[in-house]
PDB file of N, CA and C in Angstrom:
ATOM      1  N   MET A   1      78.616  48.659 119.265  1.00  0.00           N
ATOM      2  CA  MET A   1      79.213  47.394 118.904  1.00  0.00           C
ATOM      3  C   MET A   1      78.721  46.336 119.894  1.00  0.00           C
ATOM      4  N   TYR A   2      78.364  45.196 119.366  1.00  0.00           N
ATOM      5  CA  TYR A   2      77.860  44.126 120.172  1.00  0.00           C
ATOM      6  C   TYR A   2      78.786  42.931 120.129  1.00  0.00           C
ATOM      7  N   SER A   3      78.896  42.228 121.218  1.00  0.00           N
ATOM      8  CA  SER A   3      79.608  40.982 121.247  1.00  0.00           C
ATOM      9  C   SER A   3      78.630  39.870 121.440  1.00  0.00           C
ATOM     10  N   SER A   4      78.732  38.861 120.609  1.00  0.00           N
ATOM     11  CA  SER A   4      77.792  37.722 120.663  1.00  0.00           C
ATOM     12  C   SER A   4      77.889  36.998 122.006  1.00  0.00           C
ATOM     13  N   ARG A   5      78.990  37.119 122.686  1.00  0.00           N
ATOM     14  CA  ARG A   5      79.180  36.395 123.924  1.00  0.00           C
ATOM     15  C   ARG A   5      78.244  36.874 125.019  1.00  0.00           C
ATOM     16  N   TYR A   6      77.721  38.093 124.930  1.00  0.00           N
ATOM     17  CA  TYR A   6      76.929  38.638 126.001  1.00  0.00           C
ATOM     18  C   TYR A   6      75.494  38.881 125.654  1.00  0.00           C
ATOM     19  N   LEU A   7      75.095  38.557 124.443  1.00  0.00           N
ATOM     20  CA  LEU A   7      73.708  38.758 124.018  1.00  0.00           C
ATOM     21  C   LEU A   7      73.070  37.407 123.755  1.00  0.00           C
ATOM     22  N   HIS A   8      71.808  37.293 124.129  1.00  0.00           N
ATOM     23  CA  HIS A   8      71.109  36.018 123.974  1.00  0.00           C
ATOM     24  C   HIS A   8      69.691  36.250 123.504  1.00  0.00           C
ATOM     25  N   GLY A   9      69.109  35.227 122.954  1.00  0.00           N
ATOM     26  CA  GLY A   9      67.697  35.292 122.561  1.00  0.00           C
ATOM     27  C   GLY A   9      67.402  36.312 121.537  1.00  0.00           C
ATOM     28  N   LYS A  10      66.266  37.007 121.724  1.00  0.00           N
ATOM     29  CA  LYS A  10      65.841  37.939 120.679  1.00  0.00           C
ATOM     30  C   LYS A  10      66.745  39.151 120.509  1.00  0.00           C
ATOM     31  N   HIS A  11      67.600  39.427 121.489  1.00  0.00           N
ATOM     32  CA  HIS A  11      68.480  40.592 121.422  1.00  0.00           C
ATOM     33  C   HIS A  11      69.833  40.262 120.744  1.00  0.00           C
ATOM     34  N   LYS A  12      70.028  39.000 120.438  1.00  0.00           N
ATOM     35  CA  LYS A  12      71.310  38.627 119.815  1.00  0.00           C
ATOM     36  C   LYS A  12      71.284  38.933 118.322  1.00  0.00           C
ATOM     37  N   PRO A  13      72.223  39.735 117.849  1.00  0.00           N
ATOM     38  CA  PRO A  13      72.246  40.068 116.413  1.00  0.00           C
ATOM     39  C   PRO A  13      72.660  38.848 115.560  1.00  0.00           C
ATOM     40  N   LEU A  14      72.463  38.964 114.292  1.00  0.00           N
ATOM     41  CA  LEU A  14      72.865  37.893 113.361  1.00  0.00           C
ATOM     42  C   LEU A  14      74.393  37.753 113.369  1.00  0.00           C
ATOM     43  N   PRO A  15      74.922  36.544 113.106  1.00  0.00           N
ATOM     44  CA  PRO A  15      76.378  36.345 113.122  1.00  0.00           C
ATOM     45  C   PRO A  15      77.164  37.323 112.255  1.00  0.00           C
ATOM     46  N   ASN A  16      76.632  37.687 111.073  1.00  0.00           N
ATOM     47  CA  ASN A  16      77.416  38.630 110.231  1.00  0.00           C
ATOM     48  C   ASN A  16      77.491  39.999 110.835  1.00  0.00           C
ATOM     49  N   GLN A  17      76.733  40.248 111.882  1.00  0.00           N
ATOM     50  CA  GLN A  17      76.753  41.586 112.525  1.00  0.00           C
ATOM     51  C   GLN A  17      77.669  41.610 113.766  1.00  0.00           C
ATOM     52  N   TRP A  18      78.055  40.454 114.258  1.00  0.00           N
ATOM     53  CA  TRP A  18      78.898  40.496 115.469  1.00  0.00           C
ATOM     54  C   TRP A  18      80.274  39.916 115.320  1.00  0.00           C
ATOM     55  N   TYR A  19      80.570  39.308 114.184  1.00  0.00           N
ATOM     56  CA  TYR A  19      81.906  38.707 113.995  1.00  0.00           C
ATOM     57  C   TYR A  19      83.014  39.679 114.327  1.00  0.00           C
ATOM     58  N   PHE A  20      82.957  40.853 113.788  1.00  0.00           N
ATOM     59  CA  PHE A  20      84.087  41.766 113.947  1.00  0.00           C
ATOM     60  C   PHE A  20      84.245  42.186 115.421  1.00  0.00           C
ATOM     61  N   ALA A  21      83.144  42.286 116.159  1.00  0.00           N
ATOM     62  CA  ALA A  21      83.244  42.664 117.548  1.00  0.00           C
ATOM     63  C   ALA A  21      83.946  41.616 118.359  1.00  0.00           C
ATOM     64  N   ASP A  22      83.586  40.313 118.161  1.00  0.00           N
ATOM     65  CA  ASP A  22      84.239  39.237 118.850  1.00  0.00           C
ATOM     66  C   ASP A  22      85.705  39.142 118.460  1.00  0.00           C
ATOM     67  N   ALA A  23      85.975  39.326 117.181  1.00  0.00           N
ATOM     68  CA  ALA A  23      87.373  39.275 116.695  1.00  0.00           C
ATOM     69  C   ALA A  23      88.194  40.405 117.318  1.00  0.00           C
ATOM     70  N   LEU A  24      87.608  41.567 117.468  1.00  0.00           N
ATOM     71  CA  LEU A  24      88.344  42.684 118.062  1.00  0.00           C
ATOM     72  C   LEU A  24      88.649  42.398 119.516  1.00  0.00           C
ATOM     73  N   ILE A  25      87.749  41.830 120.247  1.00  0.00           N
ATOM     74  CA  ILE A  25      87.985  41.442 121.623  1.00  0.00           C
ATOM     75  C   ILE A  25      89.131  40.457 121.724  1.00  0.00           C
ATOM     76  N   ASP A  26      89.138  39.481 120.825  1.00  0.00           N
ATOM     77  CA  ASP A  26      90.221  38.495 120.820  1.00  0.00           C
ATOM     78  C   ASP A  26      91.590  39.131 120.511  1.00  0.00           C
ATOM     79  N   ILE A  27      91.607  40.084 119.590  1.00  0.00           N
ATOM     80  CA  ILE A  27      92.865  40.755 119.244  1.00  0.00           C
ATOM     81  C   ILE A  27      93.451  41.477 120.457  1.00  0.00           C
ATOM     82  N   TYR A  28      92.598  42.199 121.184  1.00  0.00           N
ATOM     83  CA  TYR A  28      93.103  42.922 122.323  1.00  0.00           C
ATOM     84  C   TYR A  28      93.492  42.009 123.466  1.00  0.00           C
ATOM     85  N   LYS A  29      92.790  40.889 123.605  1.00  0.00           N
ATOM     86  CA  LYS A  29      93.159  39.926 124.644  1.00  0.00           C
ATOM     87  C   LYS A  29      94.554  39.349 124.398  1.00  0.00           C
ATOM     88  N   HIS A  30      94.929  39.255 123.136  1.00  0.00           N
ATOM     89  CA  HIS A  30      96.243  38.699 122.769  1.00  0.00           C
ATOM     90  C   HIS A  30      97.271  39.774 122.502  1.00  0.00           C
ATOM     91  N   ASN A  31      96.977  41.012 122.885  1.00  0.00           N
ATOM     92  CA  ASN A  31      97.897  42.162 122.704  1.00  0.00           C
ATOM     93  C   ASN A  31      98.351  42.320 121.271  1.00  0.00           C
ATOM     94  N   GLU A  32      97.414  42.092 120.319  1.00  0.00           N
ATOM     95  CA  GLU A  32      97.712  42.295 118.922  1.00  0.00           C
ATOM     96  C   GLU A  32      97.205  43.672 118.512  1.00  0.00           C
ATOM     97  N   SER A  33      97.591  44.069 117.286  1.00  0.00           N
ATOM     98  CA  SER A  33      97.176  45.342 116.745  1.00  0.00           C
ATOM     99  C   SER A  33      96.006  45.201 115.786  1.00  0.00           C
ATOM    100  N   LEU A  34      95.060  46.045 115.891  1.00  0.00           N
ATOM    101  CA  LEU A  34      93.935  46.077 114.964  1.00  0.00           C
ATOM    102  C   LEU A  34      94.446  46.319 113.519  1.00  0.00           C
ATOM    103  N   LEU A  35      95.488  47.066 113.382  1.00  0.00           N
ATOM    104  CA  LEU A  35      96.034  47.381 112.061  1.00  0.00           C
ATOM    105  C   LEU A  35      96.555  46.147 111.329  1.00  0.00           C
ATOM    106  N   ASP A  36      96.839  45.136 112.052  1.00  0.00           N
ATOM    107  CA  ASP A  36      97.285  43.881 111.438  1.00  0.00           C
ATOM    108  C   ASP A  36      96.137  43.006 110.973  1.00  0.00           C
ATOM    109  N   HIS A  37      94.896  43.474 111.172  1.00  0.00           N
ATOM    110  CA  HIS A  37      93.696  42.703 110.794  1.00  0.00           C
ATOM    111  C   HIS A  37      92.753  43.552 109.963  1.00  0.00           C
ATOM    112  N   PRO A  38      93.066  43.764 108.687  1.00  0.00           N
ATOM    113  CA  PRO A  38      92.221  44.628 107.848  1.00  0.00           C
ATOM    114  C   PRO A  38      90.795  44.059 107.679  1.00  0.00           C
ATOM    115  N   GLU A  39      90.616  42.767 107.868  1.00  0.00           N
ATOM    116  CA  GLU A  39      89.258  42.181 107.721  1.00  0.00           C
ATOM    117  C   GLU A  39      88.340  42.667 108.840  1.00  0.00           C
ATOM    118  N   ILE A  40      88.927  42.939 110.004  1.00  0.00           N
ATOM    119  CA  ILE A  40      88.125  43.449 111.118  1.00  0.00           C
ATOM    120  C   ILE A  40      87.803  44.934 110.922  1.00  0.00           C
ATOM    121  N   VAL A  41      88.766  45.637 110.402  1.00  0.00           N
ATOM    122  CA  VAL A  41      88.511  47.082 110.110  1.00  0.00           C
ATOM    123  C   VAL A  41      87.402  47.151 109.071  1.00  0.00           C
ATOM    124  N   GLN A  42      87.435  46.258 108.076  1.00  0.00           N
ATOM    125  CA  GLN A  42      86.367  46.228 107.075  1.00  0.00           C
ATOM    126  C   GLN A  42      85.031  45.905 107.707  1.00  0.00           C
ATOM    127  N   GLY A  43      85.036  45.058 108.710  1.00  0.00           N
ATOM    128  CA  GLY A  43      83.808  44.749 109.420  1.00  0.00           C
ATOM    129  C   GLY A  43      83.226  45.981 110.102  1.00  0.00           C
ATOM    130  N   PHE A  44      84.057  46.829 110.673  1.00  0.00           N
ATOM    131  CA  PHE A  44      83.613  48.082 111.261  1.00  0.00           C
ATOM    132  C   PHE A  44      82.984  48.961 110.222  1.00  0.00           C
ATOM    133  N   ILE A  45      83.642  49.067 109.060  1.00  0.00           N
ATOM    134  CA  ILE A  45      83.125  49.900 107.986  1.00  0.00           C
ATOM    135  C   ILE A  45      81.763  49.409 107.521  1.00  0.00           C
ATOM    136  N   GLU A  46      81.626  48.094 107.316  1.00  0.00           N
ATOM    137  CA  GLU A  46      80.374  47.521 106.846  1.00  0.00           C
ATOM    138  C   GLU A  46      79.304  47.735 107.884  1.00  0.00           C
ATOM    139  N   ASN A  47      79.634  47.560 109.142  1.00  0.00           N
ATOM    140  CA  ASN A  47      78.617  47.774 110.210  1.00  0.00           C
ATOM    141  C   ASN A  47      78.182  49.201 110.263  1.00  0.00           C
ATOM    142  N   ASN A  48      79.130  50.125 110.176  1.00  0.00           N
ATOM    143  CA  ASN A  48      78.760  51.571 110.161  1.00  0.00           C
ATOM    144  C   ASN A  48      77.868  51.906 109.001  1.00  0.00           C
ATOM    145  N   ASN A  49      78.134  51.282 107.861  1.00  0.00           N
ATOM    146  CA  ASN A  49      77.298  51.533 106.679  1.00  0.00           C
ATOM    147  C   ASN A  49      75.872  50.983 106.911  1.00  0.00           C
ATOM    148  N   ARG A  50      75.770  49.833 107.566  1.00  0.00           N
ATOM    149  CA  ARG A  50      74.444  49.283 107.876  1.00  0.00           C
ATOM    150  C   ARG A  50      73.692  50.209 108.826  1.00  0.00           C
ATOM    151  N   ILE A  51      74.407  50.776 109.795  1.00  0.00           N
ATOM    152  CA  ILE A  51      73.749  51.681 110.762  1.00  0.00           C
ATOM    153  C   ILE A  51      73.290  52.930 110.000  1.00  0.00           C
ATOM    154  N   LEU A  52      74.125  53.466 109.156  1.00  0.00           N
ATOM    155  CA  LEU A  52      73.751  54.652 108.404  1.00  0.00           C
ATOM    156  C   LEU A  52      72.569  54.391 107.502  1.00  0.00           C
ATOM    157  N   ASP A  53      72.558  53.282 106.821  1.00  0.00           N
ATOM    158  CA  ASP A  53      71.401  52.877 105.994  1.00  0.00           C
ATOM    159  C   ASP A  53      70.130  52.803 106.829  1.00  0.00           C
ATOM    160  N   TYR A  54      70.226  52.202 108.001  1.00  0.00           N
ATOM    161  CA  TYR A  54      69.057  52.082 108.891  1.00  0.00           C
ATOM    162  C   TYR A  54      68.545  53.454 109.265  1.00  0.00           C
ATOM    163  N   ILE A  55      69.452  54.348 109.651  1.00  0.00           N
ATOM    164  CA  ILE A  55      69.062  55.698 110.043  1.00  0.00           C
ATOM    165  C   ILE A  55      68.376  56.409 108.896  1.00  0.00           C
ATOM    166  N   HIS A  56      68.924  56.288 107.684  1.00  0.00           N
ATOM    167  CA  HIS A  56      68.307  56.945 106.534  1.00  0.00           C
ATOM    168  C   HIS A  56      66.926  56.354 106.251  1.00  0.00           C
ATOM    169  N   GLN A  57      66.771  55.071 106.398  1.00  0.00           N
ATOM    170  CA  GLN A  57      65.476  54.440 106.111  1.00  0.00           C
ATOM    171  C   GLN A  57      64.401  54.788 107.134  1.00  0.00           C
ATOM    172  N   HIS A  58      64.801  55.090 108.353  1.00  0.00           N
ATOM    173  CA  HIS A  58      63.861  55.305 109.424  1.00  0.00           C
ATOM    174  C   HIS A  58      63.833  56.780 109.926  1.00  0.00           C
ATOM    175  N   SER A  59      64.320  57.654 109.139  1.00  0.00           N
ATOM    176  CA  SER A  59      64.342  59.054 109.518  1.00  0.00           C
ATOM    177  C   SER A  59      63.741  59.923 108.429  1.00  0.00           C
ATOM    178  N   LYS A  60      63.418  61.120 108.792  1.00  0.00           N
ATOM    179  CA  LYS A  60      63.004  62.086 107.786  1.00  0.00           C
ATOM    180  C   LYS A  60      63.661  63.423 108.077  1.00  0.00           C
ATOM    181  N   VAL A  61      63.845  64.151 107.040  1.00  0.00           N
ATOM    182  CA  VAL A  61      64.499  65.448 107.096  1.00  0.00           C
ATOM    183  C   VAL A  61      63.468  66.468 107.636  1.00  0.00           C
ATOM    184  N   VAL A  62      63.876  67.225 108.641  1.00  0.00           N
ATOM    185  CA  VAL A  62      63.019  68.263 109.215  1.00  0.00           C
ATOM    186  C   VAL A  62      63.732  69.586 108.968  1.00  0.00           C
ATOM    187  N   ASP A  63      62.978  70.470 108.309  1.00  0.00           N
ATOM    188  CA  ASP A  63      63.546  71.806 108.036  1.00  0.00           C
ATOM    189  C   ASP A  63      63.260  72.763 109.121  1.00  0.00           C
TER     190      ASP A  63
END
């Protein structure tokens, strides 16, 4: 998980890839519960799916 606050230049991911990380940090700073923010949970799911797609695209099965 990346936070846009700490990444700069060529290493900074696109905004749609870091929104949920920054939002999660804000939730915990305000002592809120992640369960009260289903949009952030959805962000985790979407990010995990992007990671899985990347792995499948750049990997091969070895028997």
